[in-house]
């Protein structure tokens, strides 16, 4: 009975993610129009409600966790963590190339250059490259090489600076949350990623610290929001409707890798806890 009860939040998380993905896809497909007679503003509120419910179920799941596994006990880390961290490093490098192109393309298209916007793109690109190096070292540590990413004190903040730069890039644009659902979901994703990284850094600082509830909560939120944002974008691209996506849709590659990394790490920690019991 207790095991079944512990699985219920996971089931509800999956349901809310699927429902959010489906609704968000139709929002992108209709491009601001009504969905089955439902006004776009109403469907936007339903999407936010589903995401909010997802956060609640993630909170219930994390509150009920009693993990004894250590966050960075690399001696028995699964190969999936190594693979996902390598993929994440590659995605950060791709994002670095993409930001370089964004900067060049913006300066070619406009007659008046807004330097604060270019500066934020530049910061995002630089720290994407640094984050690429950071997760390469992380992957080597998880594989058991003679490296320990925990010794790179200030590099732990490189993904945080990257996320802040992306947030500020979005904030300098005027966004109507009733219409720009995709942009607002991206804003929530980056906020949750910051929460995930701060709990990640806290665990690094404690060295042998056990898994915190914040770590559980933020990792689930990051992986859920990544799916809600990226899967509809991918479907839109496949069916040839990519023109309605905003200019940062290419970053979906990095977003889904961040979500995958958070999910894989969460599963790996659960497996460690199961072995210890």
Protein backbone atom coordinates (compact mmCIF):
# COMPACT_ATOMS: atom_id res chain seq x y z
CA UNK A 1 0.00 0.00 0.00
CA UNK A 2 2.78 2.44 0.93
CA UNK A 3 4.67 1.67 -2.29
CA UNK A 4 1.52 2.24 -4.37
CA UNK A 5 0.90 5.54 -2.58
CA UNK A 6 4.46 6.66 -3.30
CA UNK A 7 3.95 5.94 -7.01
CA UNK A 8 0.78 8.04 -7.29
CA UNK A 9 2.60 11.42 -7.49
CA UNK A 10 4.79 10.01 -10.29
CA UNK A 11 1.67 8.90 -12.18
CA UNK A 12 0.07 12.33 -11.80
CA UNK A 13 3.33 14.02 -12.89
CA UNK A 14 3.33 11.94 -16.09
CA UNK A 15 -0.35 12.73 -16.73
CA UNK A 16 0.12 16.49 -16.27
CA UNK A 17 3.18 16.47 -18.53
CA UNK A 18 1.33 14.61 -21.31
CA UNK A 19 -1.70 16.90 -20.98
CA UNK A 20 0.50 20.03 -20.97
CA UNK A 21 2.46 18.83 -24.02
CA UNK A 22 -0.74 18.09 -25.94
CA UNK A 23 -2.38 21.42 -25.15
CA UNK A 24 0.80 23.41 -25.80
CA UNK A 25 1.23 21.70 -29.18
CA UNK A 26 -2.25 22.82 -30.26
CA UNK A 27 -1.49 26.32 -29.02
CA UNK A 28 1.56 26.43 -31.27
CA UNK A 29 -0.33 24.78 -34.14
CA UNK A 30 -3.22 27.27 -33.99
CA UNK A 31 -0.73 30.15 -33.57
CA UNK A 32 -2.91 32.28 -31.29
CA UNK A 33 -6.28 31.01 -32.51
CA UNK A 34 -9.01 29.17 -30.60
CA UNK A 35 -8.60 25.48 -29.81
CA UNK A 36 -11.82 23.50 -30.29
CA UNK A 37 -13.86 26.61 -29.55
CA UNK A 38 -11.80 27.45 -26.47
CA UNK A 39 -10.30 30.94 -26.54
CA UNK A 40 -6.51 31.09 -26.61
CA UNK A 41 -6.41 33.05 -23.33
CA UNK A 42 -8.46 30.33 -21.62
CA UNK A 43 -6.27 27.53 -22.99
CA UNK A 44 -3.23 29.46 -21.73
CA UNK A 45 -4.68 29.53 -18.21
CA UNK A 46 -5.37 25.77 -18.45
CA UNK A 47 -1.74 25.17 -19.46
CA UNK A 48 -0.48 27.18 -16.50
CA UNK A 49 -2.87 25.29 -14.21
CA UNK A 50 -1.49 21.95 -15.46
CA UNK A 51 2.08 23.13 -14.91
CA UNK A 52 1.14 24.36 -11.43
CA UNK A 53 -0.40 20.95 -10.63
CA UNK A 54 2.79 19.33 -11.90
CA UNK A 55 4.77 21.44 -9.43
CA UNK A 56 2.43 20.40 -6.60
CA UNK A 57 2.81 16.69 -7.40
CA UNK A 58 6.58 17.17 -7.68
CA UNK A 59 6.51 18.79 -4.24
CA UNK A 60 4.50 15.87 -2.80
CA UNK A 61 6.93 13.39 -4.36
CA UNK A 62 10.01 15.20 -3.03
CA UNK A 63 8.49 15.67 0.43
CA UNK A 64 7.85 11.94 0.75
CA UNK A 65 11.36 10.99 -0.30
CA UNK A 66 13.68 9.73 2.42
CA UNK A 67 16.77 9.15 0.32
CA UNK A 68 19.96 8.14 2.08
CA UNK A 69 22.00 8.13 -1.13
CA UNK A 70 24.74 10.75 -1.45
CA UNK A 71 24.39 13.11 -4.38
CA UNK A 72 27.93 12.63 -5.63
CA UNK A 73 28.78 9.06 -4.62
CA UNK A 74 30.45 8.35 -7.95
CA UNK A 75 31.78 4.95 -6.98
CA UNK A 76 28.48 3.31 -8.00
CA UNK A 77 27.09 5.83 -10.47
CA UNK A 78 25.32 4.35 -13.47
CA UNK A 79 26.54 4.72 -17.06
CA UNK A 80 23.40 6.70 -17.88
CA UNK A 81 24.70 9.64 -15.79
CA UNK A 82 27.97 9.63 -17.73
CA UNK A 83 26.15 9.45 -21.09
CA UNK A 84 23.66 12.20 -20.22
CA UNK A 85 26.41 14.53 -18.96
CA UNK A 86 28.39 14.04 -22.20
CA UNK A 87 25.24 14.77 -24.22
CA UNK A 88 24.62 17.87 -22.09
CA UNK A 89 28.18 19.11 -22.67
CA UNK A 90 27.69 18.66 -26.42
CA UNK A 91 24.36 20.54 -26.23
CA UNK A 92 26.03 23.44 -24.41
CA UNK A 93 28.65 23.61 -27.17
CA UNK A 94 25.92 23.65 -29.81
CA UNK A 95 24.22 26.47 -27.89
CA UNK A 96 27.52 28.38 -27.87
CA UNK A 97 27.68 28.12 -31.68
CA UNK A 98 24.03 29.12 -31.90
CA UNK A 99 24.53 32.22 -29.72
CA UNK A 100 27.51 33.26 -31.87
CA UNK A 101 25.27 33.00 -34.93
CA UNK A 102 22.45 34.88 -33.15
CA UNK A 103 24.83 37.72 -32.34
CA UNK A 104 26.12 37.92 -35.92
CA UNK A 105 22.63 37.65 -37.43
CA UNK A 106 21.21 40.34 -35.13
CA UNK A 107 23.99 42.80 -35.95
CA UNK A 108 23.47 42.20 -39.67
CA UNK A 109 19.67 42.62 -39.58
CA UNK A 110 19.22 45.79 -37.52
CA UNK A 111 20.28 49.34 -38.29
CA UNK A 112 20.42 50.33 -34.62
CA UNK A 113 22.27 47.86 -32.38
CA UNK A 114 20.94 47.45 -28.85
CA UNK A 115 24.19 46.67 -27.09
CA UNK A 116 22.64 45.38 -23.85
CA UNK A 117 20.84 42.72 -25.91
CA UNK A 118 24.05 41.81 -27.78
CA UNK A 119 25.92 41.75 -24.47
CA UNK A 120 23.44 39.30 -22.94
CA UNK A 121 23.69 37.03 -26.00
CA UNK A 122 27.49 37.22 -25.70
CA UNK A 123 27.42 36.33 -21.99
CA UNK A 124 25.05 33.45 -22.69
CA UNK A 125 27.40 32.15 -25.41
CA UNK A 126 30.57 32.44 -23.32
CA UNK A 127 29.07 30.67 -20.32
CA UNK A 128 27.54 28.01 -22.56
CA UNK A 129 31.11 27.21 -23.65
CA UNK A 130 32.36 27.22 -20.04
CA UNK A 131 29.43 25.01 -19.02
CA UNK A 132 30.40 22.62 -21.82
CA UNK A 133 33.86 22.25 -20.25
CA UNK A 134 32.28 21.93 -16.78
CA UNK A 135 30.07 18.99 -17.73
CA UNK A 136 32.92 17.30 -19.61
CA UNK A 137 34.89 17.29 -16.34
CA UNK A 138 31.75 16.14 -14.52
CA UNK A 139 31.41 13.20 -16.93
CA UNK A 140 35.07 12.25 -16.44
CA UNK A 141 34.55 12.33 -12.66
CA UNK A 142 31.47 10.12 -12.90
CA UNK A 143 33.41 7.66 -15.07
CA UNK A 144 36.09 7.29 -12.42
CA UNK A 145 38.92 9.16 -14.13
CA UNK A 146 41.54 11.08 -12.13
CA UNK A 147 39.43 14.23 -12.22
CA UNK A 148 37.11 15.70 -9.63
CA UNK A 149 34.79 18.42 -10.90
CA UNK A 150 34.11 19.46 -7.28
CA UNK A 151 37.55 21.10 -7.18
CA UNK A 152 36.50 23.65 -9.83
CA UNK A 153 34.90 25.97 -7.27
CA UNK A 154 33.79 28.88 -9.44
CA UNK A 155 32.89 26.78 -12.49
CA UNK A 156 29.87 25.42 -10.61
CA UNK A 157 28.22 28.77 -11.25
CA UNK A 158 28.74 28.79 -15.03
CA UNK A 159 25.36 27.15 -15.84
CA UNK A 160 23.76 29.55 -13.34
CA UNK A 161 25.21 32.61 -15.13
CA UNK A 162 24.10 31.10 -18.46
CA UNK A 163 20.53 30.74 -17.16
CA UNK A 164 20.51 34.26 -15.70
CA UNK A 165 21.70 35.69 -19.03
CA UNK A 166 18.91 33.85 -20.85
CA UNK A 167 16.36 35.09 -18.31
CA UNK A 168 17.45 38.71 -18.67
CA UNK A 169 17.38 38.34 -22.48
CA UNK A 170 13.73 37.37 -22.18
CA UNK A 171 12.91 40.03 -19.60
CA UNK A 172 14.00 42.92 -21.82
CA UNK A 173 11.20 41.91 -24.19
CA UNK A 174 7.60 42.80 -23.35
CA UNK A 175 5.73 39.52 -22.98
CA UNK A 176 1.97 39.04 -22.54
CA UNK A 177 1.70 35.79 -20.56
CA UNK A 178 -1.83 35.23 -21.88
CA UNK A 179 -0.52 35.09 -25.44
CA UNK A 180 3.18 34.18 -25.20
CA UNK A 181 2.68 30.84 -23.46
CA UNK A 182 5.84 29.36 -24.97
CA UNK A 183 7.98 32.25 -23.72
CA UNK A 184 6.48 32.09 -20.22
CA UNK A 185 7.00 28.32 -20.00
CA UNK A 186 10.61 28.90 -21.01
CA UNK A 187 10.89 31.51 -18.27
CA UNK A 188 9.56 29.00 -15.72
CA UNK A 189 11.96 26.35 -17.03
CA UNK A 190 15.00 28.60 -16.57
CA UNK A 191 13.81 29.57 -13.08
CA UNK A 192 13.47 25.91 -12.08
CA UNK A 193 16.85 25.17 -13.63
CA UNK A 194 18.39 27.86 -11.41
CA UNK A 195 16.75 26.19 -8.41
CA UNK A 196 18.16 22.82 -9.55
CA UNK A 197 21.67 24.24 -10.02
CA UNK A 198 21.70 25.98 -6.62
CA UNK A 199 20.72 22.73 -4.88
CA UNK A 200 23.33 20.97 -7.05
CA UNK A 201 26.02 23.46 -5.95
CA UNK A 202 24.93 23.15 -2.32
CA UNK A 203 25.42 19.38 -2.53
CA UNK A 204 28.88 19.93 -4.05
CA UNK A 205 29.79 22.26 -1.19
CA UNK A 206 28.70 19.69 1.40
CA UNK A 207 30.72 17.02 -0.44
CA UNK A 208 29.07 14.03 1.24
CA UNK A 209 25.65 15.58 1.69
CA UNK A 210 22.56 13.46 1.17
CA UNK A 211 19.89 14.27 -1.36
CA UNK A 212 17.73 17.26 -0.41
CA UNK A 213 14.00 17.61 -1.11
CA UNK A 214 14.76 20.74 -3.14
CA UNK A 215 17.01 18.64 -5.38
CA UNK A 216 14.18 16.14 -5.97
CA UNK A 217 11.60 18.86 -6.58
CA UNK A 218 13.69 20.98 -8.94
CA UNK A 219 14.96 18.01 -10.98
CA UNK A 220 11.39 16.81 -11.63
CA UNK A 221 10.23 20.34 -12.54
CA UNK A 222 13.17 20.84 -14.92
CA UNK A 223 12.60 17.53 -16.73
CA UNK A 224 8.80 18.07 -16.87
CA UNK A 225 9.03 21.62 -18.24
CA UNK A 226 11.70 20.59 -20.74
CA UNK A 227 9.26 18.02 -22.14
CA UNK A 228 6.34 20.49 -22.23
CA UNK A 229 8.46 23.06 -24.09
CA UNK A 230 10.49 20.91 -26.48
CA UNK A 231 8.20 18.04 -27.53
CA UNK A 232 5.53 20.34 -29.06
CA UNK A 233 8.31 22.32 -30.80
CA UNK A 234 9.77 19.13 -32.24
CA UNK A 235 6.37 18.01 -33.55
CA UNK A 236 5.80 21.45 -35.09
CA UNK A 237 9.16 21.20 -36.85
CA UNK A 238 8.43 17.67 -38.10
CA UNK A 239 5.06 18.63 -39.62
CA UNK A 240 6.59 21.69 -41.30
CA UNK A 241 5.14 24.40 -39.04
CA UNK A 242 8.44 25.66 -37.58
CA UNK A 243 7.85 29.19 -38.90
CA UNK A 244 5.47 29.93 -36.01
CA UNK A 245 8.12 29.15 -33.39
CA UNK A 246 10.02 31.98 -31.76
CA UNK A 247 13.64 32.77 -32.59
CA UNK A 248 15.12 30.72 -29.72
CA UNK A 249 13.53 27.37 -30.71
CA UNK A 250 16.95 25.91 -31.57
CA UNK A 251 17.80 26.08 -27.85
CA UNK A 252 15.31 23.26 -27.38
CA UNK A 253 18.18 20.84 -27.97
CA UNK A 254 19.92 22.14 -24.88
CA UNK A 255 16.68 22.32 -22.88
CA UNK A 256 15.80 18.69 -23.51
CA UNK A 257 19.35 17.62 -22.60
CA UNK A 258 19.13 19.58 -19.34
CA UNK A 259 15.80 17.90 -18.61
CA UNK A 260 17.22 14.49 -19.51
CA UNK A 261 20.27 15.04 -17.29
CA UNK A 262 18.05 16.03 -14.33
CA UNK A 263 15.76 13.03 -14.89
CA UNK A 264 18.62 10.53 -15.28
CA UNK A 265 20.30 11.82 -12.14
CA UNK A 266 17.03 11.54 -10.23
CA UNK A 267 16.58 7.91 -11.37
CA UNK A 268 20.20 7.08 -10.52
CA UNK A 269 19.77 8.45 -6.98
CA UNK A 270 16.59 6.40 -6.54
CA UNK A 271 18.46 3.28 -7.68
CA UNK A 272 21.23 3.96 -5.16
CA UNK A 273 18.68 4.35 -2.38
CA UNK A 274 17.04 1.08 -3.37
CA UNK A 275 20.36 -0.75 -3.19
CA UNK A 276 21.16 0.70 0.23
CA UNK A 277 17.82 -0.45 1.59
